[in-house]
Amino acid sequence: MAAPRTYTPQQATPGPTFTCPRCQRSYPYPHDYDRPIRCECGWWYTNIGHSTIVEEFRPRIGGSDSDAPQYD
């Protein structure tokens, strides 16, 4: 019988990637003006055009400005 796994290894991301500078997780590179990337460490990364990435920390519960856009 195989030993149980307590996690699932991250699969390789095809194409260009963006790596969170804080936790080193890799995500598909965000397109200009596309939805932001929400990293598991709590940071959000938005491409505001011309590959300019803006970062914002939003805790999962009660951490976002009420006027800021909310994303699922």
C-alpha atoms as a PDB file:
ATOM      1  CA  MET A   1       0.000   0.000   0.000  1.00  0.00           C
ATOM      2  CA  ALA A   2       1.289   3.444  -0.929  1.00  0.00           C
ATOM      3  CA  ALA A   3       2.039   5.968   1.789  1.00  0.00           C
ATOM      4  CA  PRO A   4      -0.582   8.742   2.054  1.00  0.00           C
ATOM      5  CA  ARG A   5       0.295  12.218   0.821  1.00  0.00           C
ATOM      6  CA  THR A   6      -0.490  15.268   2.864  1.00  0.00           C
ATOM      7  CA  TYR A   7      -0.023  17.672  -0.036  1.00  0.00           C
ATOM      8  CA  THR A   8      -0.230  17.770  -3.804  1.00  0.00           C
ATOM      9  CA  PRO A   9       2.964  18.857  -5.587  1.00  0.00           C
ATOM     10  CA  GLN A  10       2.535  21.905  -7.793  1.00  0.00           C
ATOM     11  CA  GLN A  11       2.398  21.070 -11.493  1.00  0.00           C
ATOM     12  CA  ALA A  12       4.660  22.865 -13.964  1.00  0.00           C
ATOM     13  CA  THR A  13       3.114  26.045 -15.380  1.00  0.00           C
ATOM     14  CA  PRO A  14       3.329  26.236 -19.185  1.00  0.00           C
ATOM     15  CA  GLY A  15       4.468  29.493 -20.785  1.00  0.00           C
ATOM     16  CA  PRO A  16       5.797  32.593 -19.037  1.00  0.00           C
ATOM     17  CA  THR A  17       5.447  32.580 -15.274  1.00  0.00           C
ATOM     18  CA  PHE A  18       5.315  35.041 -12.414  1.00  0.00           C
ATOM     19  CA  THR A  19       6.960  33.960  -9.143  1.00  0.00           C
ATOM     20  CA  CYS A  20       5.841  35.457  -5.857  1.00  0.00           C
ATOM     21  CA  PRO A  21       8.923  37.113  -4.359  1.00  0.00           C
ATOM     22  CA  ARG A  22       7.762  36.242  -0.840  1.00  0.00           C
ATOM     23  CA  CYS A  23       6.882  32.532  -0.984  1.00  0.00           C
ATOM     24  CA  GLN A  24       8.350  31.516  -4.378  1.00  0.00           C
ATOM     25  CA  ARG A  25       5.092  30.038  -5.767  1.00  0.00           C
ATOM     26  CA  SER A  26       4.812  30.256  -9.555  1.00  0.00           C
ATOM     27  CA  TYR A  27       1.716  31.340 -11.468  1.00  0.00           C
ATOM     28  CA  PRO A  28       0.936  31.971 -15.156  1.00  0.00           C
ATOM     29  CA  TYR A  29       2.109  35.509 -15.971  1.00  0.00           C
ATOM     30  CA  PRO A  30      -0.841  37.948 -15.762  1.00  0.00           C
ATOM     31  CA  HIS A  31      -1.808  39.656 -19.003  1.00  0.00           C
ATOM     32  CA  ASP A  32      -2.076  43.456 -19.171  1.00  0.00           C
ATOM     33  CA  TYR A  33      -5.204  44.698 -17.347  1.00  0.00           C
ATOM     34  CA  ASP A  34      -6.294  41.129 -16.541  1.00  0.00           C
ATOM     35  CA  ARG A  35      -7.571  39.891 -13.171  1.00  0.00           C
ATOM     36  CA  PRO A  36      -4.983  39.950 -10.409  1.00  0.00           C
ATOM     37  CA  ILE A  37      -3.167  36.904  -9.110  1.00  0.00           C
ATOM     38  CA  ARG A  38      -4.019  36.044  -5.516  1.00  0.00           C
ATOM     39  CA  CYS A  39      -1.083  34.241  -3.994  1.00  0.00           C
ATOM     40  CA  GLU A  40      -1.646  31.785  -1.172  1.00  0.00           C
ATOM     41  CA  CYS A  41       0.560  33.902   1.113  1.00  0.00           C
ATOM     42  CA  GLY A  42      -1.982  36.771   1.000  1.00  0.00           C
ATOM     43  CA  TRP A  43      -0.396  39.081  -1.588  1.00  0.00           C
ATOM     44  CA  TRP A  44      -2.247  40.111  -4.745  1.00  0.00           C
ATOM     45  CA  TYR A  45      -0.385  40.976  -7.949  1.00  0.00           C
ATOM     46  CA  THR A  46      -2.022  43.036 -10.722  1.00  0.00           C
ATOM     47  CA  ASN A  47      -0.557  43.775 -14.146  1.00  0.00           C
ATOM     48  CA  ILE A  48      -1.546  47.415 -14.791  1.00  0.00           C
ATOM     49  CA  GLY A  49      -0.108  47.414 -18.311  1.00  0.00           C
ATOM     50  CA  HIS A  50       3.255  47.121 -20.031  1.00  0.00           C
ATOM     51  CA  SER A  51       4.190  44.290 -17.639  1.00  0.00           C
ATOM     52  CA  THR A  52       4.067  46.625 -14.639  1.00  0.00           C
ATOM     53  CA  ILE A  53       3.091  44.543 -11.607  1.00  0.00           C
ATOM     54  CA  VAL A  54       1.489  46.256  -8.616  1.00  0.00           C
ATOM     55  CA  GLU A  55       1.394  44.314  -5.359  1.00  0.00           C
ATOM     56  CA  GLU A  56      -1.073  44.662  -2.506  1.00  0.00           C
ATOM     57  CA  PHE A  57      -1.449  42.710   0.722  1.00  0.00           C
ATOM     58  CA  ARG A  58      -5.009  41.656   1.501  1.00  0.00           C
ATOM     59  CA  PRO A  59      -5.638  39.306   4.413  1.00  0.00           C
ATOM     60  CA  ARG A  60      -8.439  36.860   3.621  1.00  0.00           C
ATOM     61  CA  ILE A  61     -10.832  38.103   6.334  1.00  0.00           C
ATOM     62  CA  GLY A  62     -11.595  41.808   6.658  1.00  0.00           C
ATOM     63  CA  GLY A  63      -8.351  42.910   5.085  1.00  0.00           C
ATOM     64  CA  SER A  64      -9.435  44.699   1.957  1.00  0.00           C
ATOM     65  CA  ASP A  65     -10.436  48.319   1.742  1.00  0.00           C
ATOM     66  CA  SER A  66     -14.228  48.429   1.391  1.00  0.00           C
ATOM     67  CA  ASP A  67     -13.834  50.624  -1.711  1.00  0.00           C
ATOM     68  CA  ALA A  68     -11.347  48.266  -3.367  1.00  0.00           C
ATOM     69  CA  PRO A  69     -12.579  45.761  -5.970  1.00  0.00           C
ATOM     70  CA  GLN A  70     -13.247  42.282  -4.595  1.00  0.00           C
ATOM     71  CA  TYR A  71     -12.234  39.236  -6.606  1.00  0.00           C
ATOM     72  CA  ASP A  72     -13.124  35.606  -6.029  1.00  0.00           C
END
